[in-house]
Amino acid sequence: MTVVTPRVARARKVLTALFATACVVVFGAAVLGALYGLPGLIDEVWRLWEES
């Protein structure tokens, strides 16, 4: 069994917080991109549907 020093524990907490923040930012950007692009995509699909 390994002993985790307070310094290592603190570093792990910081890395976990940074990773969680990065995940939230990336997920938020993906959601905003999908919401921004959705109306154009629906228009394009509707146009293709009407042409066929």
N, C-alpha and C. Protein backbone atom coordinates (compact mmCIF):
# COMPACT_ATOMS: atom_id res chain seq x y z
N MET A 1 0.84 -1.18 0.00
CA MET A 1 0.00 0.00 0.00
C MET A 1 0.89 1.25 0.00
N THR A 2 0.57 2.18 -0.86
CA THR A 2 1.40 3.39 -0.94
C THR A 2 0.81 4.50 -0.08
N VAL A 3 1.68 5.33 0.41
CA VAL A 3 1.26 6.47 1.24
C VAL A 3 1.21 7.70 0.34
N VAL A 4 0.10 8.39 0.38
CA VAL A 4 -0.08 9.60 -0.43
C VAL A 4 0.19 10.80 0.46
N THR A 5 1.18 11.57 0.07
CA THR A 5 1.52 12.75 0.86
C THR A 5 0.50 13.86 0.60
N PRO A 6 0.38 14.81 1.51
CA PRO A 6 -0.56 15.92 1.29
C PRO A 6 -0.30 16.69 0.00
N ARG A 7 0.98 16.78 -0.36
CA ARG A 7 1.32 17.50 -1.59
C ARG A 7 0.76 16.79 -2.82
N VAL A 8 0.89 15.48 -2.86
CA VAL A 8 0.38 14.69 -3.98
C VAL A 8 -1.14 14.74 -4.00
N ALA A 9 -1.77 14.64 -2.83
CA ALA A 9 -3.22 14.70 -2.75
C ALA A 9 -3.74 16.04 -3.27
N ARG A 10 -3.05 17.13 -2.91
CA ARG A 10 -3.43 18.46 -3.36
C ARG A 10 -3.28 18.57 -4.88
N ALA A 11 -2.19 18.02 -5.41
CA ALA A 11 -1.95 18.06 -6.85
C ALA A 11 -3.03 17.28 -7.59
N ARG A 12 -3.42 16.14 -7.04
CA ARG A 12 -4.49 15.35 -7.68
C ARG A 12 -5.81 16.10 -7.68
N LYS A 13 -6.11 16.79 -6.57
CA LYS A 13 -7.34 17.58 -6.51
C LYS A 13 -7.34 18.68 -7.55
N VAL A 14 -6.19 19.34 -7.70
CA VAL A 14 -6.08 20.42 -8.69
C VAL A 14 -6.26 19.87 -10.10
N LEU A 15 -5.61 18.75 -10.40
CA LEU A 15 -5.74 18.15 -11.73
C LEU A 15 -7.18 17.69 -12.00
N THR A 16 -7.82 17.14 -10.99
CA THR A 16 -9.21 16.71 -11.15
C THR A 16 -10.11 17.91 -11.41
N ALA A 17 -9.87 19.01 -10.70
CA ALA A 17 -10.68 20.22 -10.91
C ALA A 17 -10.44 20.79 -12.30
N LEU A 18 -9.19 20.81 -12.75
CA LEU A 18 -8.90 21.30 -14.09
C LEU A 18 -9.55 20.43 -15.16
N PHE A 19 -9.48 19.11 -14.97
CA PHE A 19 -10.09 18.20 -15.93
C PHE A 19 -11.62 18.39 -15.97
N ALA A 20 -12.23 18.54 -14.81
CA ALA A 20 -13.68 18.74 -14.76
C ALA A 20 -14.06 20.06 -15.43
N THR A 21 -13.28 21.11 -15.18
CA THR A 21 -13.54 22.40 -15.82
C THR A 21 -13.41 22.30 -17.33
N ALA A 22 -12.37 21.62 -17.79
CA ALA A 22 -12.17 21.45 -19.23
C ALA A 22 -13.33 20.68 -19.85
N CYS A 23 -13.80 19.66 -19.16
CA CYS A 23 -14.92 18.88 -19.67
C CYS A 23 -16.18 19.74 -19.79
N VAL A 24 -16.44 20.55 -18.79
CA VAL A 24 -17.61 21.43 -18.82
C VAL A 24 -17.50 22.43 -19.97
N VAL A 25 -16.32 23.00 -20.16
CA VAL A 25 -16.13 23.97 -21.24
C VAL A 25 -16.33 23.31 -22.60
N VAL A 26 -15.73 22.15 -22.80
CA VAL A 26 -15.86 21.45 -24.09
C VAL A 26 -17.30 21.03 -24.33
N PHE A 27 -17.96 20.48 -23.32
CA PHE A 27 -19.35 20.06 -23.47
C PHE A 27 -20.24 21.27 -23.75
N GLY A 28 -20.01 22.37 -23.04
CA GLY A 28 -20.79 23.59 -23.28
C GLY A 28 -20.60 24.12 -24.69
N ALA A 29 -19.36 24.09 -25.17
CA ALA A 29 -19.10 24.55 -26.54
C ALA A 29 -19.79 23.65 -27.56
N ALA A 30 -19.80 22.36 -27.31
CA ALA A 30 -20.47 21.43 -28.22
C ALA A 30 -21.97 21.68 -28.24
N VAL A 31 -22.55 21.92 -27.09
CA VAL A 31 -24.00 22.19 -27.03
C VAL A 31 -24.32 23.49 -27.74
N LEU A 32 -23.53 24.54 -27.48
CA LEU A 32 -23.78 25.81 -28.16
C LEU A 32 -23.60 25.69 -29.66
N GLY A 33 -22.60 24.95 -30.09
CA GLY A 33 -22.39 24.74 -31.53
C GLY A 33 -23.55 23.99 -32.16
N ALA A 34 -24.05 22.98 -31.45
CA ALA A 34 -25.20 22.23 -31.98
C ALA A 34 -26.44 23.12 -32.06
N LEU A 35 -26.67 23.91 -31.02
CA LEU A 35 -27.84 24.80 -31.04
C LEU A 35 -27.72 25.87 -32.11
N TYR A 36 -26.50 26.37 -32.32
CA TYR A 36 -26.28 27.39 -33.34
C TYR A 36 -26.45 26.82 -34.75
N GLY A 37 -25.99 25.59 -34.97
CA GLY A 37 -26.05 24.99 -36.29
C GLY A 37 -27.34 24.28 -36.61
N LEU A 38 -28.15 24.02 -35.61
CA LEU A 38 -29.37 23.23 -35.81
C LEU A 38 -30.36 23.86 -36.79
N PRO A 39 -30.68 25.17 -36.70
CA PRO A 39 -31.63 25.73 -37.65
C PRO A 39 -31.16 25.61 -39.10
N GLY A 40 -29.89 25.83 -39.37
CA GLY A 40 -29.37 25.69 -40.73
C GLY A 40 -29.45 24.25 -41.21
N LEU A 41 -29.17 23.32 -40.32
CA LEU A 41 -29.24 21.91 -40.68
C LEU A 41 -30.67 21.50 -41.00
N ILE A 42 -31.61 21.97 -40.20
CA ILE A 42 -33.02 21.64 -40.45
C ILE A 42 -33.47 22.23 -41.79
N ASP A 43 -33.05 23.47 -42.08
CA ASP A 43 -33.36 24.08 -43.37
C ASP A 43 -32.82 23.25 -44.53
N GLU A 44 -31.58 22.82 -44.40
CA GLU A 44 -30.95 22.06 -45.48
C GLU A 44 -31.66 20.73 -45.69
N VAL A 45 -31.99 20.05 -44.61
CA VAL A 45 -32.71 18.77 -44.72
C VAL A 45 -34.08 19.00 -45.35
N TRP A 46 -34.76 20.06 -44.97
CA TRP A 46 -36.08 20.37 -45.53
C TRP A 46 -35.98 20.63 -47.03
N ARG A 47 -34.93 21.40 -47.45
CA ARG A 47 -34.73 21.67 -48.88
C ARG A 47 -34.48 20.39 -49.66
N LEU A 48 -33.62 19.52 -49.11
CA LEU A 48 -33.34 18.25 -49.79
C LEU A 48 -34.60 17.38 -49.86
N TRP A 49 -35.40 17.42 -48.82
CA TRP A 49 -36.64 16.62 -48.80
C TRP A 49 -37.62 17.13 -49.86
N GLU A 50 -37.72 18.45 -50.03
CA GLU A 50 -38.64 19.02 -51.01
C GLU A 50 -38.18 18.75 -52.43
N GLU A 51 -36.85 18.70 -52.65
CA GLU A 51 -36.32 18.46 -54.00
C GLU A 51 -36.57 17.04 -54.46
N SER A 52 -36.59 16.09 -53.56
CA SER A 52 -36.73 14.69 -53.96
C SER A 52 -38.17 14.28 -54.12
